[in-house]
Amino acid sequence: GSVFGVIASLSGLYLSYYLDFPSGPSMA
């Protein structure tokens, strides 16, 4: 669960940066 949470957080941040989405919904 910790690994999945870290992966979701980092990939969500990168997704939000490259696609110009809000970071919270991208992480979710």
mmCIF file of all heavy atoms, coordinates in Angstrom:
data_MODEL
# 
_entry.id   MODEL 
# 
loop_
_atom_site.group_PDB 
_atom_site.id 
_atom_site.type_symbol 
_atom_site.label_atom_id 
_atom_site.label_alt_id 
_atom_site.label_comp_id 
_atom_site.label_asym_id 
_atom_site.label_entity_id 
_atom_site.label_seq_id 
_atom_site.pdbx_PDB_ins_code 
_atom_site.Cartn_x 
_atom_site.Cartn_y 
_atom_site.Cartn_z 
_atom_site.occupancy 
_atom_site.B_iso_or_equiv 
_atom_site.pdbx_formal_charge 
_atom_site.auth_seq_id 
_atom_site.auth_comp_id 
_atom_site.auth_asym_id 
_atom_site.auth_atom_id 
_atom_site.pdbx_PDB_model_num 
ATOM 1   N N   . GLY A 1 1  ? 0.817  -1.212 0.000   1.00 0.00 ? 1  GLY A N   1 
ATOM 2   C CA  . GLY A 1 1  ? 0.000  0.000  0.000   1.00 0.00 ? 1  GLY A CA  1 
ATOM 3   C C   . GLY A 1 1  ? 0.849  1.259  0.000   1.00 0.00 ? 1  GLY A C   1 
ATOM 4   O O   . GLY A 1 1  ? 0.527  2.238  -0.682  1.00 0.00 ? 1  GLY A O   1 
ATOM 5   N N   . SER A 1 2  ? 1.943  1.223  0.749   1.00 0.00 ? 2  SER A N   1 
ATOM 6   C CA  . SER A 1 2  ? 2.858  2.369  0.765   1.00 0.00 ? 2  SER A CA  1 
ATOM 7   C C   . SER A 1 2  ? 3.498  2.577  -0.602  1.00 0.00 ? 2  SER A C   1 
ATOM 8   O O   . SER A 1 2  ? 3.585  3.703  -1.098  1.00 0.00 ? 2  SER A O   1 
ATOM 9   C CB  . SER A 1 2  ? 3.948  2.167  1.815   1.00 0.00 ? 2  SER A CB  1 
ATOM 10  O OG  . SER A 1 2  ? 3.390  2.070  3.093   1.00 0.00 ? 2  SER A OG  1 
ATOM 11  N N   . VAL A 1 3  ? 3.924  1.484  -1.212  1.00 0.00 ? 3  VAL A N   1 
ATOM 12  C CA  . VAL A 1 3  ? 4.534  1.573  -2.548  1.00 0.00 ? 3  VAL A CA  1 
ATOM 13  C C   . VAL A 1 3  ? 3.515  2.099  -3.553  1.00 0.00 ? 3  VAL A C   1 
ATOM 14  O O   . VAL A 1 3  ? 3.813  2.998  -4.350  1.00 0.00 ? 3  VAL A O   1 
ATOM 15  C CB  . VAL A 1 3  ? 5.104  0.209  -2.989  1.00 0.00 ? 3  VAL A CB  1 
ATOM 16  C CG1 . VAL A 1 3  ? 5.495  0.218  -4.459  1.00 0.00 ? 3  VAL A CG1 1 
ATOM 17  C CG2 . VAL A 1 3  ? 6.295  -0.166 -2.125  1.00 0.00 ? 3  VAL A CG2 1 
ATOM 18  N N   . PHE A 1 4  ? 2.287  1.559  -3.511  1.00 0.00 ? 4  PHE A N   1 
ATOM 19  C CA  . PHE A 1 4  ? 1.251  2.029  -4.431  1.00 0.00 ? 4  PHE A CA  1 
ATOM 20  C C   . PHE A 1 4  ? 0.943  3.511  -4.197  1.00 0.00 ? 4  PHE A C   1 
ATOM 21  O O   . PHE A 1 4  ? 0.704  4.254  -5.148  1.00 0.00 ? 4  PHE A O   1 
ATOM 22  C CB  . PHE A 1 4  ? -0.028 1.201  -4.286  1.00 0.00 ? 4  PHE A CB  1 
ATOM 23  C CG  . PHE A 1 4  ? 0.068  -0.195 -4.817  1.00 0.00 ? 4  PHE A CG  1 
ATOM 24  C CD1 . PHE A 1 4  ? -0.768 -1.184 -4.332  1.00 0.00 ? 4  PHE A CD1 1 
ATOM 25  C CD2 . PHE A 1 4  ? 0.981  -0.538 -5.800  1.00 0.00 ? 4  PHE A CD2 1 
ATOM 26  C CE1 . PHE A 1 4  ? -0.705 -2.479 -4.819  1.00 0.00 ? 4  PHE A CE1 1 
ATOM 27  C CE2 . PHE A 1 4  ? 1.061  -1.839 -6.294  1.00 0.00 ? 4  PHE A CE2 1 
ATOM 28  C CZ  . PHE A 1 4  ? 0.217  -2.796 -5.803  1.00 0.00 ? 4  PHE A CZ  1 
ATOM 29  N N   . GLY A 1 5  ? 0.929  3.938  -2.951  1.00 0.00 ? 5  GLY A N   1 
ATOM 30  C CA  . GLY A 1 5  ? 0.670  5.341  -2.644  1.00 0.00 ? 5  GLY A CA  1 
ATOM 31  C C   . GLY A 1 5  ? 1.754  6.265  -3.177  1.00 0.00 ? 5  GLY A C   1 
ATOM 32  O O   . GLY A 1 5  ? 1.467  7.331  -3.732  1.00 0.00 ? 5  GLY A O   1 
ATOM 33  N N   . VAL A 1 6  ? 3.008  5.853  -3.021  1.00 0.00 ? 6  VAL A N   1 
ATOM 34  C CA  . VAL A 1 6  ? 4.118  6.658  -3.539  1.00 0.00 ? 6  VAL A CA  1 
ATOM 35  C C   . VAL A 1 6  ? 4.064  6.721  -5.067  1.00 0.00 ? 6  VAL A C   1 
ATOM 36  O O   . VAL A 1 6  ? 4.221  7.796  -5.669  1.00 0.00 ? 6  VAL A O   1 
ATOM 37  C CB  . VAL A 1 6  ? 5.483  6.095  -3.054  1.00 0.00 ? 6  VAL A CB  1 
ATOM 38  C CG1 . VAL A 1 6  ? 6.639  6.728  -3.805  1.00 0.00 ? 6  VAL A CG1 1 
ATOM 39  C CG2 . VAL A 1 6  ? 5.630  6.313  -1.558  1.00 0.00 ? 6  VAL A CG2 1 
ATOM 40  N N   . ILE A 1 7  ? 3.811  5.575  -5.697  1.00 0.00 ? 7  ILE A N   1 
ATOM 41  C CA  . ILE A 1 7  ? 3.723  5.543  -7.161  1.00 0.00 ? 7  ILE A CA  1 
ATOM 42  C C   . ILE A 1 7  ? 2.574  6.434  -7.634  1.00 0.00 ? 7  ILE A C   1 
ATOM 43  O O   . ILE A 1 7  ? 2.720  7.205  -8.586  1.00 0.00 ? 7  ILE A O   1 
ATOM 44  C CB  . ILE A 1 7  ? 3.553  4.096  -7.671  1.00 0.00 ? 7  ILE A CB  1 
ATOM 45  C CG1 . ILE A 1 7  ? 4.839  3.298  -7.446  1.00 0.00 ? 7  ILE A CG1 1 
ATOM 46  C CG2 . ILE A 1 7  ? 3.175  4.081  -9.147  1.00 0.00 ? 7  ILE A CG2 1 
ATOM 47  C CD1 . ILE A 1 7  ? 4.687  1.803  -7.696  1.00 0.00 ? 7  ILE A CD1 1 
ATOM 48  N N   . ALA A 1 8  ? 1.428  6.348  -6.968  1.00 0.00 ? 8  ALA A N   1 
ATOM 49  C CA  . ALA A 1 8  ? 0.276  7.169  -7.352  1.00 0.00 ? 8  ALA A CA  1 
ATOM 50  C C   . ALA A 1 8  ? 0.571  8.656  -7.167  1.00 0.00 ? 8  ALA A C   1 
ATOM 51  O O   . ALA A 1 8  ? 0.215  9.475  -8.023  1.00 0.00 ? 8  ALA A O   1 
ATOM 52  C CB  . ALA A 1 8  ? -0.953 6.769  -6.532  1.00 0.00 ? 8  ALA A CB  1 
ATOM 53  N N   . SER A 1 9  ? 1.250  8.999  -6.079  1.00 0.00 ? 9  SER A N   1 
ATOM 54  C CA  . SER A 1 9  ? 1.568  10.404 -5.828  1.00 0.00 ? 9  SER A CA  1 
ATOM 55  C C   . SER A 1 9  ? 2.524  10.959 -6.872  1.00 0.00 ? 9  SER A C   1 
ATOM 56  O O   . SER A 1 9  ? 2.282  12.022 -7.458  1.00 0.00 ? 9  SER A O   1 
ATOM 57  C CB  . SER A 1 9  ? 2.189  10.573 -4.437  1.00 0.00 ? 9  SER A CB  1 
ATOM 58  O OG  . SER A 1 9  ? 1.282  10.185 -3.447  1.00 0.00 ? 9  SER A OG  1 
ATOM 59  N N   . LEU A 1 10 ? 3.604  10.239 -7.113  1.00 0.00 ? 10 LEU A N   1 
ATOM 60  C CA  . LEU A 1 10 ? 4.604  10.731 -8.073  1.00 0.00 ? 10 LEU A CA  1 
ATOM 61  C C   . LEU A 1 10 ? 4.063  10.735 -9.495  1.00 0.00 ? 10 LEU A C   1 
ATOM 62  O O   . LEU A 1 10 ? 4.235  11.715 -10.226 1.00 0.00 ? 10 LEU A O   1 
ATOM 63  C CB  . LEU A 1 10 ? 5.876  9.894  -7.982  1.00 0.00 ? 10 LEU A CB  1 
ATOM 64  C CG  . LEU A 1 10 ? 6.671  10.025 -6.686  1.00 0.00 ? 10 LEU A CG  1 
ATOM 65  C CD1 . LEU A 1 10 ? 7.864  9.084  -6.687  1.00 0.00 ? 10 LEU A CD1 1 
ATOM 66  C CD2 . LEU A 1 10 ? 7.120  11.457 -6.475  1.00 0.00 ? 10 LEU A CD2 1 
ATOM 67  N N   . SER A 1 11 ? 3.405  9.653  -9.890  1.00 0.00 ? 11 SER A N   1 
ATOM 68  C CA  . SER A 1 11 ? 2.878  9.624  -11.260 1.00 0.00 ? 11 SER A CA  1 
ATOM 69  C C   . SER A 1 11 ? 1.765  10.655 -11.430 1.00 0.00 ? 11 SER A C   1 
ATOM 70  O O   . SER A 1 11 ? 1.638  11.269 -12.492 1.00 0.00 ? 11 SER A O   1 
ATOM 71  C CB  . SER A 1 11 ? 2.405  8.225  -11.642 1.00 0.00 ? 11 SER A CB  1 
ATOM 72  O OG  . SER A 1 11 ? 1.380  7.795  -10.788 1.00 0.00 ? 11 SER A OG  1 
ATOM 73  N N   . GLY A 1 12 ? 0.973  10.880 -10.386 1.00 0.00 ? 12 GLY A N   1 
ATOM 74  C CA  . GLY A 1 12 ? -0.062 11.916 -10.447 1.00 0.00 ? 12 GLY A CA  1 
ATOM 75  C C   . GLY A 1 12 ? 0.526  13.307 -10.578 1.00 0.00 ? 12 GLY A C   1 
ATOM 76  O O   . GLY A 1 12 ? 0.012  14.152 -11.325 1.00 0.00 ? 12 GLY A O   1 
ATOM 77  N N   . LEU A 1 13 ? 1.619  13.568 -9.866  1.00 0.00 ? 13 LEU A N   1 
ATOM 78  C CA  . LEU A 1 13 ? 2.279  14.874 -9.995  1.00 0.00 ? 13 LEU A CA  1 
ATOM 79  C C   . LEU A 1 13 ? 2.845  15.076 -11.390 1.00 0.00 ? 13 LEU A C   1 
ATOM 80  O O   . LEU A 1 13 ? 2.705  16.151 -11.983 1.00 0.00 ? 13 LEU A O   1 
ATOM 81  C CB  . LEU A 1 13 ? 3.381  15.019 -8.945  1.00 0.00 ? 13 LEU A CB  1 
ATOM 82  C CG  . LEU A 1 13 ? 2.940  15.371 -7.537  1.00 0.00 ? 13 LEU A CG  1 
ATOM 83  C CD1 . LEU A 1 13 ? 4.121  15.369 -6.586  1.00 0.00 ? 13 LEU A CD1 1 
ATOM 84  C CD2 . LEU A 1 13 ? 2.245  16.712 -7.501  1.00 0.00 ? 13 LEU A CD2 1 
ATOM 85  N N   . TYR A 1 14 ? 3.494  14.053 -11.927 1.00 0.00 ? 14 TYR A N   1 
ATOM 86  C CA  . TYR A 1 14 ? 4.033  14.168 -13.279 1.00 0.00 ? 14 TYR A CA  1 
ATOM 87  C C   . TYR A 1 14 ? 2.912  14.297 -14.306 1.00 0.00 ? 14 TYR A C   1 
ATOM 88  O O   . TYR A 1 14 ? 3.015  15.077 -15.256 1.00 0.00 ? 14 TYR A O   1 
ATOM 89  C CB  . TYR A 1 14 ? 4.949  12.986 -13.618 1.00 0.00 ? 14 TYR A CB  1 
ATOM 90  C CG  . TYR A 1 14 ? 6.329  13.158 -13.034 1.00 0.00 ? 14 TYR A CG  1 
ATOM 91  C CD1 . TYR A 1 14 ? 6.711  12.468 -11.892 1.00 0.00 ? 14 TYR A CD1 1 
ATOM 92  C CD2 . TYR A 1 14 ? 7.238  14.051 -13.600 1.00 0.00 ? 14 TYR A CD2 1 
ATOM 93  C CE1 . TYR A 1 14 ? 7.962  12.643 -11.334 1.00 0.00 ? 14 TYR A CE1 1 
ATOM 94  C CE2 . TYR A 1 14 ? 8.488  14.226 -13.053 1.00 0.00 ? 14 TYR A CE2 1 
ATOM 95  C CZ  . TYR A 1 14 ? 8.847  13.522 -11.922 1.00 0.00 ? 14 TYR A CZ  1 
ATOM 96  O OH  . TYR A 1 14 ? 10.088 13.707 -11.370 1.00 0.00 ? 14 TYR A OH  1 
ATOM 97  N N   . LEU A 1 15 ? 1.839  13.539 -14.132 1.00 0.00 ? 15 LEU A N   1 
ATOM 98  C CA  . LEU A 1 15 ? 0.687  13.641 -15.023 1.00 0.00 ? 15 LEU A CA  1 
ATOM 99  C C   . LEU A 1 15 ? 0.112  15.060 -14.979 1.00 0.00 ? 15 LEU A C   1 
ATOM 100 O O   . LEU A 1 15 ? -0.195 15.641 -16.027 1.00 0.00 ? 15 LEU A O   1 
ATOM 101 C CB  . LEU A 1 15 ? -0.372 12.613 -14.608 1.00 0.00 ? 15 LEU A CB  1 
ATOM 102 C CG  . LEU A 1 15 ? -1.634 12.522 -15.446 1.00 0.00 ? 15 LEU A CG  1 
ATOM 103 C CD1 . LEU A 1 15 ? -1.307 11.910 -16.812 1.00 0.00 ? 15 LEU A CD1 1 
ATOM 104 C CD2 . LEU A 1 15 ? -2.672 11.670 -14.737 1.00 0.00 ? 15 LEU A CD2 1 
ATOM 105 N N   . SER A 1 16 ? -0.001 15.619 -13.795 1.00 0.00 ? 16 SER A N   1 
ATOM 106 C CA  . SER A 1 16 ? -0.549 16.972 -13.672 1.00 0.00 ? 16 SER A CA  1 
ATOM 107 C C   . SER A 1 16 ? 0.366  18.003 -14.319 1.00 0.00 ? 16 SER A C   1 
ATOM 108 O O   . SER A 1 16 ? -0.104 18.968 -14.909 1.00 0.00 ? 16 SER A O   1 
ATOM 109 C CB  . SER A 1 16 ? -0.785 17.321 -12.204 1.00 0.00 ? 16 SER A CB  1 
ATOM 110 O OG  . SER A 1 16 ? 0.430  17.562 -11.530 1.00 0.00 ? 16 SER A OG  1 
ATOM 111 N N   . TYR A 1 17 ? 1.663  17.780 -14.221 1.00 0.00 ? 17 TYR A N   1 
ATOM 112 C CA  . TYR A 1 17 ? 2.601  18.732 -14.809 1.00 0.00 ? 17 TYR A CA  1 
ATOM 113 C C   . TYR A 1 17 ? 2.561  18.681 -16.336 1.00 0.00 ? 17 TYR A C   1 
ATOM 114 O O   . TYR A 1 17 ? 2.424  19.697 -17.000 1.00 0.00 ? 17 TYR A O   1 
ATOM 115 C CB  . TYR A 1 17 ? 4.027  18.464 -14.316 1.00 0.00 ? 17 TYR A CB  1 
ATOM 116 C CG  . TYR A 1 17 ? 5.057  19.331 -14.996 1.00 0.00 ? 17 TYR A CG  1 
ATOM 117 C CD1 . TYR A 1 17 ? 5.139  20.688 -14.706 1.00 0.00 ? 17 TYR A CD1 1 
ATOM 118 C CD2 . TYR A 1 17 ? 5.932  18.791 -15.925 1.00 0.00 ? 17 TYR A CD2 1 
ATOM 119 C CE1 . TYR A 1 17 ? 6.066  21.497 -15.330 1.00 0.00 ? 17 TYR A CE1 1 
ATOM 120 C CE2 . TYR A 1 17 ? 6.867  19.591 -16.552 1.00 0.00 ? 17 TYR A CE2 1 
ATOM 121 C CZ  . TYR A 1 17 ? 6.936  20.946 -16.254 1.00 0.00 ? 17 TYR A CZ  1 
ATOM 122 O OH  . TYR A 1 17 ? 7.847  21.737 -16.880 1.00 0.00 ? 17 TYR A OH  1 
ATOM 123 N N   . TYR A 1 18 ? 2.660  17.480 -16.898 1.00 0.00 ? 18 TYR A N   1 
ATOM 124 C CA  . TYR A 1 18 ? 2.763  17.346 -18.350 1.00 0.00 ? 18 TYR A CA  1 
ATOM 125 C C   . TYR A 1 18 ? 1.429  17.566 -19.071 1.00 0.00 ? 18 TYR A C   1 
ATOM 126 O O   . TYR A 1 18 ? 1.405  17.975 -20.216 1.00 0.00 ? 18 TYR A O   1 
ATOM 127 C CB  . TYR A 1 18 ? 3.364  15.990 -18.731 1.00 0.00 ? 18 TYR A CB  1 
ATOM 128 C CG  . TYR A 1 18 ? 4.839  15.936 -18.442 1.00 0.00 ? 18 TYR A CG  1 
ATOM 129 C CD1 . TYR A 1 18 ? 5.337  15.114 -17.447 1.00 0.00 ? 18 TYR A CD1 1 
ATOM 130 C CD2 . TYR A 1 18 ? 5.741  16.740 -19.138 1.00 0.00 ? 18 TYR A CD2 1 
ATOM 131 C CE1 . TYR A 1 18 ? 6.696  15.073 -17.166 1.00 0.00 ? 18 TYR A CE1 1 
ATOM 132 C CE2 . TYR A 1 18 ? 7.101  16.717 -18.864 1.00 0.00 ? 18 TYR A CE2 1 
ATOM 133 C CZ  . TYR A 1 18 ? 7.562  15.883 -17.885 1.00 0.00 ? 18 TYR A CZ  1 
ATOM 134 O OH  . TYR A 1 18 ? 8.901  15.856 -17.599 1.00 0.00 ? 18 TYR A OH  1 
ATOM 135 N N   . LEU A 1 19 ? 0.311  17.258 -18.420 1.00 0.00 ? 19 LEU A N   1 
ATOM 136 C CA  . LEU A 1 19 ? -0.993 17.432 -19.055 1.00 0.00 ? 19 LEU A CA  1 
ATOM 137 C C   . LEU A 1 19 ? -1.733 18.666 -18.547 1.00 0.00 ? 19 LEU A C   1 
ATOM 138 O O   . LEU A 1 19 ? -2.878 18.894 -18.935 1.00 0.00 ? 19 LEU A O   1 
ATOM 139 C CB  . LEU A 1 19 ? -1.847 16.181 -18.851 1.00 0.00 ? 19 LEU A CB  1 
ATOM 140 C CG  . LEU A 1 19 ? -1.279 14.891 -19.443 1.00 0.00 ? 19 LEU A CG  1 
ATOM 141 C CD1 . LEU A 1 19 ? -2.193 13.719 -19.130 1.00 0.00 ? 19 LEU A CD1 1 
ATOM 142 C CD2 . LEU A 1 19 ? -1.062 15.022 -20.939 1.00 0.00 ? 19 LEU A CD2 1 
ATOM 143 N N   . ASP A 1 20 ? -1.102 19.423 -17.649 1.00 0.00 ? 20 ASP A N   1 
ATOM 144 C CA  . ASP A 1 20 ? -1.669 20.643 -17.086 1.00 0.00 ? 20 ASP A CA  1 
ATOM 145 C C   . ASP A 1 20 ? -3.007 20.383 -16.390 1.00 0.00 ? 20 ASP A C   1 
ATOM 146 O O   . ASP A 1 20 ? -3.983 21.090 -16.591 1.00 0.00 ? 20 ASP A O   1 
ATOM 147 C CB  . ASP A 1 20 ? -1.806 21.716 -18.171 1.00 0.00 ? 20 ASP A CB  1 
ATOM 148 C CG  . ASP A 1 20 ? -1.973 23.112 -17.573 1.00 0.00 ? 20 ASP A CG  1 
ATOM 149 O OD1 . ASP A 1 20 ? -1.481 23.330 -16.445 1.00 0.00 ? 20 ASP A OD1 1 
ATOM 150 O OD2 . ASP A 1 20 ? -2.600 23.968 -18.225 1.00 0.00 ? 20 ASP A OD2 1 
ATOM 151 N N   . PHE A 1 21 ? -3.040 19.317 -15.591 1.00 0.00 ? 21 PHE A N   1 
ATOM 152 C CA  . PHE A 1 21 ? -4.206 18.980 -14.778 1.00 0.00 ? 21 PHE A CA  1 
ATOM 153 C C   . PHE A 1 21 ? -3.934 19.409 -13.340 1.00 0.00 ? 21 PHE A C   1 
ATOM 154 O O   . PHE A 1 21 ? -2.781 19.558 -12.938 1.00 0.00 ? 21 PHE A O   1 
ATOM 155 C CB  . PHE A 1 21 ? -4.458 17.469 -14.774 1.00 0.00 ? 21 PHE A CB  1 
ATOM 156 C CG  . PHE A 1 21 ? -4.949 16.894 -16.071 1.00 0.00 ? 21 PHE A CG  1 
ATOM 157 C CD1 . PHE A 1 21 ? -4.815 15.540 -16.309 1.00 0.00 ? 21 PHE A CD1 1 
ATOM 158 C CD2 . PHE A 1 21 ? -5.564 17.668 -17.036 1.00 0.00 ? 21 PHE A CD2 1 
ATOM 159 C CE1 . PHE A 1 21 ? -5.268 14.982 -17.491 1.00 0.00 ? 21 PHE A CE1 1 
ATOM 160 C CE2 . PHE A 1 21 ? -6.019 17.132 -18.214 1.00 0.00 ? 21 PHE A CE2 1 
ATOM 161 C CZ  . PHE A 1 21 ? -5.868 15.774 -18.439 1.00 0.00 ? 21 PHE A CZ  1 
ATOM 162 N N   . PRO A 1 22 ? -4.967 19.551 -12.519 1.00 0.00 ? 22 PRO A N   1 
ATOM 163 C CA  . PRO A 1 22 ? -4.749 19.782 -11.086 1.00 0.00 ? 22 PRO A CA  1 
ATOM 164 C C   . PRO A 1 22 ? -4.061 18.562 -10.458 1.00 0.00 ? 22 PRO A C   1 
ATOM 165 O O   . PRO A 1 22 ? -4.351 17.422 -10.831 1.00 0.00 ? 22 PRO A O   1 
ATOM 166 C CB  . PRO A 1 22 ? -6.152 19.972 -10.518 1.00 0.00 ? 22 PRO A CB  1 
ATOM 167 C CG  . PRO A 1 22 ? -7.042 20.198 -11.681 1.00 0.00 ? 22 PRO A CG  1 
ATOM 168 C CD  . PRO A 1 22 ? -6.374 19.614 -12.886 1.00 0.00 ? 22 PRO A CD  1 
ATOM 169 N N   . SER A 1 23 ? -3.177 18.792 -9.508  1.00 0.00 ? 23 SER A N   1 
ATOM 170 C CA  . SER A 1 23 ? -2.378 17.686 -8.957  1.00 0.00 ? 23 SER A CA  1 
ATOM 171 C C   . SER A 1 23 ? -3.195 16.708 -8.120  1.00 0.00 ? 23 SER A C   1 
ATOM 172 O O   . SER A 1 23 ? -2.992 15.495 -8.205  1.00 0.00 ? 23 SER A O   1 
ATOM 173 C CB  . SER A 1 23 ? -1.210 18.232 -8.137  1.00 0.00 ? 23 SER A CB  1 
ATOM 174 O OG  . SER A 1 23 ? -1.679 19.007 -7.062  1.00 0.00 ? 23 SER A OG  1 
ATOM 175 N N   . GLY A 1 24 ? -4.128 17.181 -7.313  1.00 0.00 ? 24 GLY A N   1 
ATOM 176 C CA  . GLY A 1 24 ? -4.914 16.288 -6.455  1.00 0.00 ? 24 GLY A CA  1 
ATOM 177 C C   . GLY A 1 24 ? -5.715 15.257 -7.236  1.00 0.00 ? 24 GLY A C   1 
ATOM 178 O O   . GLY A 1 24 ? -5.588 14.052 -6.996  1.00 0.00 ? 24 GLY A O   1 
ATOM 179 N N   . PRO A 1 25 ? -6.556 15.705 -8.174  1.00 0.00 ? 25 PRO A N   1 
ATOM 180 C CA  . PRO A 1 25 ? -7.303 14.726 -8.960  1.00 0.00 ? 25 PRO A CA  1 
ATOM 181 C C   . PRO A 1 25 ? -6.394 13.812 -9.789  1.00 0.00 ? 25 PRO A C   1 
ATOM 182 O O   . PRO A 1 25 ? -6.731 12.642 -10.010 1.00 0.00 ? 25 PRO A O   1 
ATOM 183 C CB  . PRO A 1 25 ? -8.178 15.587 -9.874  1.00 0.00 ? 25 PRO A CB  1 
ATOM 184 C CG  . PRO A 1 25 ? -8.325 16.872 -9.144  1.00 0.00 ? 25 PRO A CG  1 
ATOM 185 C CD  . PRO A 1 25 ? -7.032 17.059 -8.408  1.00 0.00 ? 25 PRO A CD  1 
ATOM 186 N N   . SER A 1 26 ? -5.248 14.309 -10.221 1.00 0.00 ? 26 SER A N   1 
ATOM 187 C CA  . SER A 1 26 ? -4.315 13.471 -10.987 1.00 0.00 ? 26 SER A CA  1 
ATOM 188 C C   . SER A 1 26 ? -3.774 12.343 -10.121 1.00 0.00 ? 26 SER A C   1 
ATOM 189 O O   . SER A 1 26 ? -3.641 11.201 -10.577 1.00 0.00 ? 26 SER A O   1 
ATOM 190 C CB  . SER A 1 26 ? -3.155 14.303 -11.529 1.00 0.00 ? 26 SER A CB  1 
ATOM 191 O OG  . SER A 1 26 ? -3.626 15.271 -12.428 1.00 0.00 ? 26 SER A OG  1 
ATOM 192 N N   . MET A 1 27 ? -3.454 12.642 -8.867  1.00 0.00 ? 27 MET A N   1 
ATOM 193 C CA  . MET A 1 27 ? -2.981 11.603 -7.950  1.00 0.00 ? 27 MET A CA  1 
ATOM 194 C C   . MET A 1 27 ? -4.080 10.587 -7.665  1.00 0.00 ? 27 MET A C   1 
ATOM 195 O O   . MET A 1 27 ? -3.828 9.382  -7.629  1.00 0.00 ? 27 MET A O   1 
ATOM 196 C CB  . MET A 1 27 ? -2.498 12.222 -6.647  1.00 0.00 ? 27 MET A CB  1 
ATOM 197 C CG  . MET A 1 27 ? -1.207 12.966 -6.753  1.00 0.00 ? 27 MET A CG  1 
ATOM 198 S SD  . MET A 1 27 ? -0.686 13.495 -5.118  1.00 0.00 ? 27 MET A SD  1 
ATOM 199 C CE  . MET A 1 27 ? -0.220 15.159 -5.457  1.00 0.00 ? 27 MET A CE  1 
ATOM 200 N N   . ALA A 1 28 ? -5.298 11.067 -7.462  1.00 0.00 ? 28 ALA A N   1 
ATOM 201 C CA  . ALA A 1 28 ? -6.416 10.161 -7.207  1.00 0.00 ? 28 ALA A CA  1 
ATOM 202 C C   . ALA A 1 28 ? -6.688 9.290  -8.432  1.00 0.00 ? 28 ALA A C   1 
ATOM 203 O O   . ALA A 1 28 ? -6.968 8.088  -8.302  1.00 0.00 ? 28 ALA A O   1 
ATOM 204 C CB  . ALA A 1 28 ? -7.669 10.952 -6.829  1.00 0.00 ? 28 ALA A CB  1 
# 
